[in-house]
Amino acid sequence: MKTTYYIACHTKQHYPDTDSYTREAGKMVHALQQIFGDREKILAITKPDCIEQCHCEAEIVQEEEGLVGKCVLDLESPSRILLDKSKFSAVLKAITDWPGMKIEKRAVANEFD
């Protein structure tokens, strides 16, 4: 069964020049890779612990309120996976330097459910 989530990480930090945007966007990509590329971190923020595959597509954009990391997370497992937003937020904030970051999370309906 595939469980899909849309996640947006709003840093609330605006980067006016290309160099600072590129550097900070790279940090966001690296942070998302650290979480979604590490089985232990994924299992720490989800329930139950029966994930077979994890795939994340991310896009980092500069919006009016600041840098935003937007991603679609697909989790394959025998049953529906619950993603704990507060645990995800804590893990992400621990490895980044955006203390005021706001996390948005929404479950996405799969067309074959």
PDB file of N, CA and C in Angstrom:
ATOM      1  N   MET A   1       0.842  -1.177   0.000  1.00  0.00           N
ATOM      2  CA  MET A   1       0.000   0.000   0.000  1.00  0.00           C
ATOM      3  C   MET A   1       0.888   1.241   0.000  1.00  0.00           C
ATOM      4  N   LYS A   2       0.503   2.224  -0.811  1.00  0.00           N
ATOM      5  CA  LYS A   2       1.277   3.460  -0.862  1.00  0.00           C
ATOM      6  C   LYS A   2       0.557   4.545  -0.056  1.00  0.00           C
ATOM      7  N   THR A   3       1.310   5.190   0.826  1.00  0.00           N
ATOM      8  CA  THR A   3       0.832   6.342   1.581  1.00  0.00           C
ATOM      9  C   THR A   3       1.633   7.542   1.097  1.00  0.00           C
ATOM     10  N   THR A   4       0.936   8.621   0.750  1.00  0.00           N
ATOM     11  CA  THR A   4       1.597   9.800   0.198  1.00  0.00           C
ATOM     12  C   THR A   4       1.293  11.032   1.047  1.00  0.00           C
ATOM     13  N   TYR A   5       2.337  11.827   1.281  1.00  0.00           N
ATOM     14  CA  TYR A   5       2.205  13.078   2.021  1.00  0.00           C
ATOM     15  C   TYR A   5       2.816  14.223   1.229  1.00  0.00           C
ATOM     16  N   TYR A   6       2.185  15.388   1.334  1.00  0.00           N
ATOM     17  CA  TYR A   6       2.770  16.635   0.848  1.00  0.00           C
ATOM     18  C   TYR A   6       3.309  17.342   2.086  1.00  0.00           C
ATOM     19  N   ILE A   7       4.565  17.743   2.034  1.00  0.00           N
ATOM     20  CA  ILE A   7       5.200  18.424   3.162  1.00  0.00           C
ATOM     21  C   ILE A   7       5.829  19.716   2.641  1.00  0.00           C
ATOM     22  N   ALA A   8       5.589  20.812   3.351  1.00  0.00           N
ATOM     23  CA  ALA A   8       6.231  22.084   3.014  1.00  0.00           C
ATOM     24  C   ALA A   8       6.934  22.601   4.268  1.00  0.00           C
ATOM     25  N   CYS A   9       8.192  22.954   4.103  1.00  0.00           N
ATOM     26  CA  CYS A   9       9.011  23.451   5.207  1.00  0.00           C
ATOM     27  C   CYS A   9       9.280  24.936   4.956  1.00  0.00           C
ATOM     28  N   HIS A  10       8.557  25.802   5.653  1.00  0.00           N
ATOM     29  CA  HIS A  10       8.648  27.252   5.491  1.00  0.00           C
ATOM     30  C   HIS A  10       9.706  27.800   6.459  1.00  0.00           C
ATOM     31  N   THR A  11      10.830  28.251   5.914  1.00  0.00           N
ATOM     32  CA  THR A  11      11.921  28.728   6.771  1.00  0.00           C
ATOM     33  C   THR A  11      11.667  30.120   7.342  1.00  0.00           C
ATOM     34  N   LYS A  12      10.846  30.898   6.680  1.00  0.00           N
ATOM     35  CA  LYS A  12      10.575  32.299   7.030  1.00  0.00           C
ATOM     36  C   LYS A  12      11.812  33.176   6.871  1.00  0.00           C
ATOM     37  N   GLN A  13      12.781  32.697   6.090  1.00  0.00           N
ATOM     38  CA  GLN A  13      14.010  33.439   5.813  1.00  0.00           C
ATOM     39  C   GLN A  13      14.079  33.729   4.317  1.00  0.00           C
ATOM     40  N   HIS A  14      14.258  34.985   3.972  1.00  0.00           N
ATOM     41  CA  HIS A  14      14.336  35.393   2.571  1.00  0.00           C
ATOM     42  C   HIS A  14      15.805  35.598   2.203  1.00  0.00           C
ATOM     43  N   TYR A  15      16.218  35.070   1.060  1.00  0.00           N
ATOM     44  CA  TYR A  15      17.599  35.184   0.607  1.00  0.00           C
ATOM     45  C   TYR A  15      17.611  35.978  -0.700  1.00  0.00           C
ATOM     46  N   PRO A  16      18.030  37.240  -0.646  1.00  0.00           N
ATOM     47  CA  PRO A  16      17.880  38.156  -1.773  1.00  0.00           C
ATOM     48  C   PRO A  16      18.820  37.925  -2.961  1.00  0.00           C
ATOM     49  N   ASP A  17      19.958  37.301  -2.725  1.00  0.00           N
ATOM     50  CA  ASP A  17      20.879  37.120  -3.856  1.00  0.00           C
ATOM     51  C   ASP A  17      21.020  35.643  -4.203  1.00  0.00           C
ATOM     52  N   THR A  18      21.476  35.393  -5.402  1.00  0.00           N
ATOM     53  CA  THR A  18      21.574  34.036  -5.936  1.00  0.00           C
ATOM     54  C   THR A  18      22.493  33.152  -5.107  1.00  0.00           C
ATOM     55  N   ASP A  19      23.614  33.680  -4.664  1.00  0.00           N
ATOM     56  CA  ASP A  19      24.572  32.883  -3.896  1.00  0.00           C
ATOM     57  C   ASP A  19      23.980  32.398  -2.572  1.00  0.00           C
ATOM     58  N   SER A  20      23.344  33.301  -1.832  1.00  0.00           N
ATOM     59  CA  SER A  20      22.776  32.896  -0.543  1.00  0.00           C
ATOM     60  C   SER A  20      21.595  31.960  -0.742  1.00  0.00           C
ATOM     61  N   TYR A  21      20.778  32.212  -1.777  1.00  0.00           N
ATOM     62  CA  TYR A  21      19.655  31.301  -2.066  1.00  0.00           C
ATOM     63  C   TYR A  21      20.174  29.904  -2.399  1.00  0.00           C
ATOM     64  N   THR A  22      21.171  29.824  -3.270  1.00  0.00           N
ATOM     65  CA  THR A  22      21.735  28.537  -3.680  1.00  0.00           C
ATOM     66  C   THR A  22      22.305  27.783  -2.481  1.00  0.00           C
ATOM     67  N   ARG A  23      23.023  28.480  -1.623  1.00  0.00           N
ATOM     68  CA  ARG A  23      23.612  27.867  -0.431  1.00  0.00           C
ATOM     69  C   ARG A  23      22.519  27.329   0.507  1.00  0.00           C
ATOM     70  N   GLU A  24      21.511  28.150   0.789  1.00  0.00           N
ATOM     71  CA  GLU A  24      20.459  27.752   1.724  1.00  0.00           C
ATOM     72  C   GLU A  24      19.532  26.683   1.130  1.00  0.00           C
ATOM     73  N   ALA A  25      19.274  26.755  -0.164  1.00  0.00           N
ATOM     74  CA  ALA A  25      18.473  25.718  -0.826  1.00  0.00           C
ATOM     75  C   ALA A  25      19.216  24.385  -0.753  1.00  0.00           C
ATOM     76  N   GLY A  26      20.523  24.420  -0.923  1.00  0.00           N
ATOM     77  CA  GLY A  26      21.337  23.213  -0.788  1.00  0.00           C
ATOM     78  C   GLY A  26      21.256  22.626   0.608  1.00  0.00           C
ATOM     79  N   LYS A  27      21.231  23.496   1.617  1.00  0.00           N
ATOM     80  CA  LYS A  27      21.095  23.028   3.005  1.00  0.00           C
ATOM     81  C   LYS A  27      19.749  22.338   3.213  1.00  0.00           C
ATOM     82  N   MET A  28      18.702  22.885   2.606  1.00  0.00           N
ATOM     83  CA  MET A  28      17.366  22.280   2.736  1.00  0.00           C
ATOM     84  C   MET A  28      17.341  20.901   2.070  1.00  0.00           C
ATOM     85  N   VAL A  29      17.887  20.805   0.880  1.00  0.00           N
ATOM     86  CA  VAL A  29      17.936  19.518   0.173  1.00  0.00           C
ATOM     87  C   VAL A  29      18.719  18.508   1.000  1.00  0.00           C
ATOM     88  N   HIS A  30      19.860  18.923   1.519  1.00  0.00           N
ATOM     89  CA  HIS A  30      20.704  18.032   2.319  1.00  0.00           C
ATOM     90  C   HIS A  30      19.957  17.554   3.571  1.00  0.00           C
ATOM     91  N   ALA A  31      19.241  18.462   4.234  1.00  0.00           N
ATOM     92  CA  ALA A  31      18.489  18.096   5.445  1.00  0.00           C
ATOM     93  C   ALA A  31      17.398  17.079   5.125  1.00  0.00           C
ATOM     94  N   LEU A  32      16.677  17.297   4.025  1.00  0.00           N
ATOM     95  CA  LEU A  32      15.627  16.344   3.632  1.00  0.00           C
ATOM     96  C   LEU A  32      16.232  14.983   3.274  1.00  0.00           C
ATOM     97  N   GLN A  33      17.391  14.998   2.608  1.00  0.00           N
ATOM     98  CA  GLN A  33      18.076  13.742   2.276  1.00  0.00           C
ATOM     99  C   GLN A  33      18.534  13.025   3.538  1.00  0.00           C
ATOM    100  N   GLN A  34      19.005  13.772   4.529  1.00  0.00           N
ATOM    101  CA  GLN A  34      19.438  13.160   5.791  1.00  0.00           C
ATOM    102  C   GLN A  34      18.279  12.442   6.475  1.00  0.00           C
ATOM    103  N   ILE A  35      17.095  13.005   6.395  1.00  0.00           N
ATOM    104  CA  ILE A  35      15.938  12.389   7.050  1.00  0.00           C
ATOM    105  C   ILE A  35      15.376  11.248   6.215  1.00  0.00           C
ATOM    106  N   PHE A  36      15.017  11.535   4.963  1.00  0.00           N
ATOM    107  CA  PHE A  36      14.327  10.536   4.152  1.00  0.00           C
ATOM    108  C   PHE A  36      15.266   9.514   3.515  1.00  0.00           C
ATOM    109  N   GLY A  37      16.566   9.693   3.671  1.00  0.00           N
ATOM    110  CA  GLY A  37      17.527   8.715   3.197  1.00  0.00           C
ATOM    111  C   GLY A  37      18.059   7.820   4.307  1.00  0.00           C
ATOM    112  N   ASP A  38      17.575   8.009   5.512  1.00  0.00           N
ATOM    113  CA  ASP A  38      18.040   7.251   6.674  1.00  0.00           C
ATOM    114  C   ASP A  38      16.872   6.467   7.276  1.00  0.00           C
ATOM    115  N   ARG A  39      16.931   5.173   7.161  1.00  0.00           N
ATOM    116  CA  ARG A  39      15.836   4.308   7.619  1.00  0.00           C
ATOM    117  C   ARG A  39      15.495   4.543   9.094  1.00  0.00           C
ATOM    118  N   GLU A  40      16.506   4.709   9.927  1.00  0.00           N
ATOM    119  CA  GLU A  40      16.262   4.928  11.361  1.00  0.00           C
ATOM    120  C   GLU A  40      15.485   6.226  11.607  1.00  0.00           C
ATOM    121  N   LYS A  41      15.840   7.286  10.869  1.00  0.00           N
ATOM    122  CA  LYS A  41      15.125   8.557  11.040  1.00  0.00           C
ATOM    123  C   LYS A  41      13.686   8.450  10.531  1.00  0.00           C
ATOM    124  N   ILE A  42      13.502   7.754   9.422  1.00  0.00           N
ATOM    125  CA  ILE A  42      12.143   7.572   8.894  1.00  0.00           C
ATOM    126  C   ILE A  42      11.296   6.807   9.901  1.00  0.00           C
ATOM    127  N   LEU A  43      11.842   5.731  10.451  1.00  0.00           N
ATOM    128  CA  LEU A  43      11.091   4.932  11.422  1.00  0.00           C
ATOM    129  C   LEU A  43      10.805   5.706  12.705  1.00  0.00           C
ATOM    130  N   ALA A  44      11.663   6.672  13.034  1.00  0.00           N
ATOM    131  CA  ALA A  44      11.456   7.483  14.248  1.00  0.00           C
ATOM    132  C   ALA A  44      10.302   8.466  14.098  1.00  0.00           C
ATOM    133  N   ILE A  45       9.941   8.815  12.860  1.00  0.00           N
ATOM    134  CA  ILE A  45       8.883   9.812  12.655  1.00  0.00           C
ATOM    135  C   ILE A  45       7.597   9.215  12.090  1.00  0.00           C
ATOM    136  N   THR A  46       7.567   7.887  11.917  1.00  0.00           N
ATOM    137  CA  THR A  46       6.379   7.240  11.350  1.00  0.00           C
ATOM    138  C   THR A  46       5.908   6.075  12.214  1.00  0.00           C
ATOM    139  N   LYS A  47       4.662   5.666  11.967  1.00  0.00           N
ATOM    140  CA  LYS A  47       4.087   4.465  12.601  1.00  0.00           C
ATOM    141  C   LYS A  47       3.214   3.781  11.563  1.00  0.00           C
ATOM    142  N   PRO A  48       3.097   2.505  11.527  1.00  0.00           N
ATOM    143  CA  PRO A  48       3.934   1.507  12.190  1.00  0.00           C
ATOM    144  C   PRO A  48       5.291   1.391  11.504  1.00  0.00           C
ATOM    145  N   ASP A  49       6.146   0.530  12.014  1.00  0.00           N
ATOM    146  CA  ASP A  49       7.523   0.443  11.503  1.00  0.00           C
ATOM    147  C   ASP A  49       7.694  -0.641  10.436  1.00  0.00           C
ATOM    148  N   CYS A  50       6.800  -0.646   9.463  1.00  0.00           N
ATOM    149  CA  CYS A  50       6.847  -1.684   8.421  1.00  0.00           C
ATOM    150  C   CYS A  50       7.055  -1.085   7.030  1.00  0.00           C
ATOM    151  N   ILE A  51       7.820  -0.007   6.939  1.00  0.00           N
ATOM    152  CA  ILE A  51       8.049   0.654   5.660  1.00  0.00           C
ATOM    153  C   ILE A  51       8.965  -0.195   4.789  1.00  0.00           C
ATOM    154  N   GLU A  52       8.506  -0.426   3.558  1.00  0.00           N
ATOM    155  CA  GLU A  52       9.292  -1.207   2.600  1.00  0.00           C
ATOM    156  C   GLU A  52      10.105  -0.303   1.681  1.00  0.00           C
ATOM    157  N   GLN A  53       9.539   0.843   1.295  1.00  0.00           N
ATOM    158  CA  GLN A  53      10.225   1.791   0.425  1.00  0.00           C
ATOM    159  C   GLN A  53       9.832   3.211   0.790  1.00  0.00           C
ATOM    160  N   CYS A  54      10.757   4.133   0.543  1.00  0.00           N
ATOM    161  CA  CYS A  54      10.507   5.548   0.769  1.00  0.00           C
ATOM    162  C   CYS A  54      11.065   6.315  -0.428  1.00  0.00           C
ATOM    163  N   HIS A  55      10.230   7.180  -1.002  1.00  0.00           N
ATOM    164  CA  HIS A  55      10.665   8.003  -2.131  1.00  0.00           C
ATOM    165  C   HIS A  55      10.205   9.431  -1.877  1.00  0.00           C
ATOM    166  N   CYS A  56      11.119  10.375  -2.035  1.00  0.00           N
ATOM    167  CA  CYS A  56      10.799  11.785  -1.793  1.00  0.00           C
ATOM    168  C   CYS A  56      11.254  12.619  -2.985  1.00  0.00           C
ATOM    169  N   GLU A  57      10.341  13.418  -3.508  1.00  0.00           N
ATOM    170  CA  GLU A  57      10.684  14.386  -4.549  1.00  0.00           C
ATOM    171  C   GLU A  57      10.552  15.764  -3.929  1.00  0.00           C
ATOM    172  N   ALA A  58      11.613  16.550  -4.024  1.00  0.00           N
ATOM    173  CA  ALA A  58      11.621  17.867  -3.374  1.00  0.00           C
ATOM    174  C   ALA A  58      11.871  18.986  -4.377  1.00  0.00           C
ATOM    175  N   GLU A  59      11.302  20.126  -4.052  1.00  0.00           N
ATOM    176  CA  GLU A  59      11.516  21.352  -4.818  1.00  0.00           C
ATOM    177  C   GLU A  59      11.736  22.462  -3.791  1.00  0.00           C
ATOM    178  N   ILE A  60      12.784  23.236  -3.975  1.00  0.00           N
ATOM    179  CA  ILE A  60      13.083  24.328  -3.067  1.00  0.00           C
ATOM    180  C   ILE A  60      12.809  25.622  -3.821  1.00  0.00           C
ATOM    181  N   VAL A  61      11.959  26.472  -3.232  1.00  0.00           N
ATOM    182  CA  VAL A  61      11.571  27.703  -3.903  1.00  0.00           C
ATOM    183  C   VAL A  61      11.689  28.890  -2.951  1.00  0.00           C
ATOM    184  N   GLN A  62      11.866  30.059  -3.544  1.00  0.00           N
ATOM    185  CA  GLN A  62      11.870  31.306  -2.783  1.00  0.00           C
ATOM    186  C   GLN A  62      10.494  31.936  -2.975  1.00  0.00           C
ATOM    187  N   GLU A  63       9.712  31.987  -1.921  1.00  0.00           N
ATOM    188  CA  GLU A  63       8.388  32.587  -1.989  1.00  0.00           C
ATOM    189  C   GLU A  63       8.397  33.904  -1.244  1.00  0.00           C
ATOM    190  N   GLU A  64       7.288  34.589  -1.257  1.00  0.00           N
ATOM    191  CA  GLU A  64       7.210  35.906  -0.624  1.00  0.00           C
ATOM    192  C   GLU A  64       7.603  35.869   0.848  1.00  0.00           C
ATOM    193  N   GLU A  65       7.185  34.802   1.569  1.00  0.00           N
ATOM    194  CA  GLU A  65       7.501  34.711   3.002  1.00  0.00           C
ATOM    195  C   GLU A  65       8.858  34.089   3.272  1.00  0.00           C
ATOM    196  N   GLY A  66       9.560  33.637   2.237  1.00  0.00           N
ATOM    197  CA  GLY A  66      10.895  33.099   2.423  1.00  0.00           C
ATOM    198  C   GLY A  66      11.128  31.795   1.689  1.00  0.00           C
ATOM    199  N   LEU A  67      12.243  31.160   2.001  1.00  0.00           N
ATOM    200  CA  LEU A  67      12.632  29.894   1.382  1.00  0.00           C
ATOM    201  C   LEU A  67      11.702  28.780   1.850  1.00  0.00           C
ATOM    202  N   VAL A  68      11.231  27.966   0.904  1.00  0.00           N
ATOM    203  CA  VAL A  68      10.311  26.877   1.223  1.00  0.00           C
ATOM    204  C   VAL A  68      10.790  25.601   0.535  1.00  0.00           C
ATOM    205  N   GLY A  69      10.880  24.534   1.317  1.00  0.00           N
ATOM    206  CA  GLY A  69      11.166  23.211   0.775  1.00  0.00           C
ATOM    207  C   GLY A  69       9.850  22.467   0.656  1.00  0.00           C
ATOM    208  N   LYS A  70       9.456  22.137  -0.575  1.00  0.00           N
ATOM    209  CA  LYS A  70       8.199  21.426  -0.809  1.00  0.00           C
ATOM    210  C   LYS A  70       8.537  20.015  -1.265  1.00  0.00           C
ATOM    211  N   CYS A  71       7.890  19.031  -0.669  1.00  0.00           N
ATOM    212  CA  CYS A  71       8.174  17.674  -1.108  1.00  0.00           C
ATOM    213  C   CYS A  71       6.941  16.786  -1.076  1.00  0.00           C
ATOM    214  N   VAL A  72       6.987  15.789  -1.933  1.00  0.00           N
ATOM    215  CA  VAL A  72       5.976  14.738  -1.963  1.00  0.00           C
ATOM    216  C   VAL A  72       6.684  13.475  -1.507  1.00  0.00           C
ATOM    217  N   LEU A  73       6.159  12.885  -0.452  1.00  0.00           N
ATOM    218  CA  LEU A  73       6.765  11.710   0.158  1.00  0.00           C
ATOM    219  C   LEU A  73       5.866  10.503  -0.077  1.00  0.00           C
ATOM    220  N   ASP A  74       6.403   9.477  -0.744  1.00  0.00           N
ATOM    221  CA  ASP A  74       5.680   8.224  -0.976  1.00  0.00           C
ATOM    222  C   ASP A  74       6.296   7.140  -0.100  1.00  0.00           C
ATOM    223  N   LEU A  75       5.450   6.491   0.687  1.00  0.00           N
ATOM    224  CA  LEU A  75       5.886   5.406   1.562  1.00  0.00           C
ATOM    225  C   LEU A  75       5.135   4.133   1.178  1.00  0.00           C
ATOM    226  N   GLU A  76       5.868   3.073   0.908  1.00  0.00           N
ATOM    227  CA  GLU A  76       5.268   1.776   0.576  1.00  0.00           C
ATOM    228  C   GLU A  76       5.345   0.877   1.791  1.00  0.00           C
ATOM    229  N   SER A  77       4.221   0.224   2.106  1.00  0.00           N
ATOM    230  CA  SER A  77       4.170  -0.681   3.249  1.00  0.00           C
ATOM    231  C   SER A  77       2.920  -1.551   3.137  1.00  0.00           C
ATOM    232  N   PRO A  78       2.832  -2.599   3.962  1.00  0.00           N
ATOM    233  CA  PRO A  78       1.637  -3.437   3.939  1.00  0.00           C
ATOM    234  C   PRO A  78       0.393  -2.706   4.447  1.00  0.00           C
ATOM    235  N   SER A  79       0.586  -1.659   5.257  1.00  0.00           N
ATOM    236  CA  SER A  79      -0.550  -0.907   5.796  1.00  0.00           C
ATOM    237  C   SER A  79      -0.274   0.592   5.706  1.00  0.00           C
ATOM    238  N   ARG A  80      -1.283   1.388   5.993  1.00  0.00           N
ATOM    239  CA  ARG A  80      -1.148   2.850   5.948  1.00  0.00           C
ATOM    240  C   ARG A  80      -0.104   3.318   6.974  1.00  0.00           C
ATOM    241  N   ILE A  81       0.714   4.272   6.560  1.00  0.00           N
ATOM    242  CA  ILE A  81       1.757   4.828   7.418  1.00  0.00           C
ATOM    243  C   ILE A  81       1.320   6.204   7.916  1.00  0.00           C
ATOM    244  N   LEU A  82       1.489   6.434   9.198  1.00  0.00           N
ATOM    245  CA  LEU A  82       1.204   7.736   9.788  1.00  0.00           C
ATOM    246  C   LEU A  82       2.513   8.481  10.006  1.00  0.00           C
ATOM    247  N   LEU A  83       2.576   9.708   9.520  1.00  0.00           N
ATOM    248  CA  LEU A  83       3.755  10.552   9.688  1.00  0.00           C
ATOM    249  C   LEU A  83       3.463  11.541  10.807  1.00  0.00           C
ATOM    250  N   ASP A  84       4.289  11.519  11.845  1.00  0.00           N
ATOM    251  CA  ASP A  84       4.122  12.404  12.995  1.00  0.00           C
ATOM    252  C   ASP A  84       4.789  13.748  12.683  1.00  0.00           C
ATOM    253  N   LYS A  85       3.967  14.776  12.455  1.00  0.00           N
ATOM    254  CA  LYS A  85       4.483  16.096  12.074  1.00  0.00           C
ATOM    255  C   LYS A  85       5.381  16.695  13.150  1.00  0.00           C
ATOM    256  N   SER A  86       5.024  16.536  14.405  1.00  0.00           N
ATOM    257  CA  SER A  86       5.846  17.133  15.468  1.00  0.00           C
ATOM    258  C   SER A  86       7.212  16.454  15.558  1.00  0.00           C
ATOM    259  N   LYS A  87       7.270  15.142  15.380  1.00  0.00           N
ATOM    260  CA  LYS A  87       8.566  14.447  15.400  1.00  0.00           C
ATOM    261  C   LYS A  87       9.402  14.835  14.178  1.00  0.00           C
ATOM    262  N   PHE A  88       8.750  14.908  13.006  1.00  0.00           N
ATOM    263  CA  PHE A  88       9.460  15.321  11.799  1.00  0.00           C
ATOM    264  C   PHE A  88      10.025  16.727  11.988  1.00  0.00           C
ATOM    265  N   SER A  89       9.203  17.628  12.519  1.00  0.00           N
ATOM    266  CA  SER A  89       9.619  19.005  12.752  1.00  0.00           C
ATOM    267  C   SER A  89      10.818  19.065  13.693  1.00  0.00           C
ATOM    268  N   ALA A  90      10.781  18.288  14.773  1.00  0.00           N
ATOM    269  CA  ALA A  90      11.878  18.274  15.735  1.00  0.00           C
ATOM    270  C   ALA A  90      13.169  17.773  15.102  1.00  0.00           C
ATOM    271  N   VAL A  91      13.080  16.719  14.303  1.00  0.00           N
ATOM    272  CA  VAL A  91      14.274  16.166  13.638  1.00  0.00           C
ATOM    273  C   VAL A  91      14.836  17.185  12.643  1.00  0.00           C
ATOM    274  N   LEU A  92      13.956  17.802  11.848  1.00  0.00           N
ATOM    275  CA  LEU A  92      14.412  18.767  10.850  1.00  0.00           C
ATOM    276  C   LEU A  92      15.025  19.998  11.506  1.00  0.00           C
ATOM    277  N   LYS A  93      14.394  20.512  12.540  1.00  0.00           N
ATOM    278  CA  LYS A  93      14.933  21.694  13.224  1.00  0.00           C
ATOM    279  C   LYS A  93      16.255  21.399  13.923  1.00  0.00           C
ATOM    280  N   ALA A  94      16.454  20.154  14.345  1.00  0.00           N
ATOM    281  CA  ALA A  94      17.703  19.778  15.019  1.00  0.00           C
ATOM    282  C   ALA A  94      18.891  19.770  14.060  1.00  0.00           C
ATOM    283  N   ILE A  95      18.643  19.579  12.767  1.00  0.00           N
ATOM    284  CA  ILE A  95      19.751  19.493  11.809  1.00  0.00           C
ATOM    285  C   ILE A  95      19.838  20.724  10.900  1.00  0.00           C
ATOM    286  N   THR A  96      19.003  21.736  11.152  1.00  0.00           N
ATOM    287  CA  THR A  96      19.054  22.963  10.358  1.00  0.00           C
ATOM    288  C   THR A  96      19.192  24.167  11.288  1.00  0.00           C
ATOM    289  N   ASP A  97      19.367  25.334  10.687  1.00  0.00           N
ATOM    290  CA  ASP A  97      19.483  26.551  11.500  1.00  0.00           C
ATOM    291  C   ASP A  97      18.350  27.535  11.202  1.00  0.00           C
ATOM    292  N   TRP A  98      17.140  27.008  11.063  1.00  0.00           N
ATOM    293  CA  TRP A  98      15.944  27.819  10.884  1.00  0.00           C
ATOM    294  C   TRP A  98      15.013  27.547  12.061  1.00  0.00           C
ATOM    295  N   PRO A  99      15.261  28.154  13.223  1.00  0.00           N
ATOM    296  CA  PRO A  99      14.472  27.846  14.422  1.00  0.00           C
ATOM    297  C   PRO A  99      12.992  28.220  14.308  1.00  0.00           C
ATOM    298  N   GLY A 100      12.662  29.204  13.475  1.00  0.00           N
ATOM    299  CA  GLY A 100      11.267  29.625  13.330  1.00  0.00           C
ATOM    300  C   GLY A 100      10.526  28.903  12.218  1.00  0.00           C
ATOM    301  N   MET A 101      11.117  27.835  11.704  1.00  0.00           N
ATOM    302  CA  MET A 101      10.535  27.116  10.587  1.00  0.00           C
ATOM    303  C   MET A 101       9.152  26.570  10.927  1.00  0.00           C
ATOM    304  N   LYS A 102       8.239  26.668   9.963  1.00  0.00           N
ATOM    305  CA  LYS A 102       6.894  26.133  10.110  1.00  0.00           C
ATOM    306  C   LYS A 102       6.739  24.969   9.141  1.00  0.00           C
ATOM    307  N   ILE A 103       6.201  23.868   9.632  1.00  0.00           N
ATOM    308  CA  ILE A 103       6.013  22.679   8.815  1.00  0.00           C
ATOM    309  C   ILE A 103       4.534  22.517   8.483  1.00  0.00           C
ATOM    310  N   GLU A 104       4.274  22.264   7.224  1.00  0.00           N
ATOM    311  CA  GLU A 104       2.920  21.991   6.749  1.00  0.00           C
ATOM    312  C   GLU A 104       2.909  20.547   6.259  1.00  0.00           C
ATOM    313  N   LYS A 105       1.894  19.770   6.656  1.00  0.00           N
ATOM    314  CA  LYS A 105       1.812  18.364   6.241  1.00  0.00           C
ATOM    315  C   LYS A 105       0.377  18.046   5.871  1.00  0.00           C
ATOM    316  N   ARG A 106       0.212  17.384   4.717  1.00  0.00           N
ATOM    317  CA  ARG A 106      -1.114  16.941   4.294  1.00  0.00           C
ATOM    318  C   ARG A 106      -1.008  15.552   3.681  1.00  0.00           C
ATOM    319  N   ALA A 107      -1.949  14.706   4.029  1.00  0.00           N
ATOM    320  CA  ALA A 107      -2.034  13.397   3.381  1.00  0.00           C
ATOM    321  C   ALA A 107      -2.615  13.631   1.984  1.00  0.00           C
ATOM    322  N   VAL A 108      -2.096  12.892   1.023  1.00  0.00           N
ATOM    323  CA  VAL A 108      -2.557  12.993  -0.359  1.00  0.00           C
ATOM    324  C   VAL A 108      -3.288  11.697  -0.684  1.00  0.00           C
ATOM    325  N   ALA A 109      -4.496  11.825  -1.204  1.00  0.00           N
ATOM    326  CA  ALA A 109      -5.266  10.636  -1.561  1.00  0.00           C
ATOM    327  C   ALA A 109      -4.673   9.986  -2.803  1.00  0.00           C
ATOM    328  N   ASN A 110      -4.444   8.691  -2.728  1.00  0.00           N
ATOM    329  CA  ASN A 110      -3.962   7.950  -3.893  1.00  0.00           C
ATOM    330  C   ASN A 110      -5.158   7.491  -4.699  1.00  0.00           C
ATOM    331  N   GLU A 111      -5.042   7.540  -6.020  1.00  0.00           N
ATOM    332  CA  GLU A 111      -6.190   7.233  -6.857  1.00  0.00           C
ATOM    333  C   GLU A 111      -6.614   5.781  -6.806  1.00  0.00           C
ATOM    334  N   PHE A 112      -5.803   4.889  -6.267  1.00  0.00           N
ATOM    335  CA  PHE A 112      -6.165   3.476  -6.209  1.00  0.00           C
ATOM    336  C   PHE A 112      -6.578   3.017  -4.814  1.00  0.00           C
ATOM    337  N   ASP A 113      -6.743   3.947  -3.886  1.00  0.00           N
ATOM    338  CA  ASP A 113      -7.155   3.588  -2.508  1.00  0.00           C
ATOM    339  C   ASP A 113      -8.608   3.150  -2.495  1.00  0.00           C
TER     340      ASP A 113
END
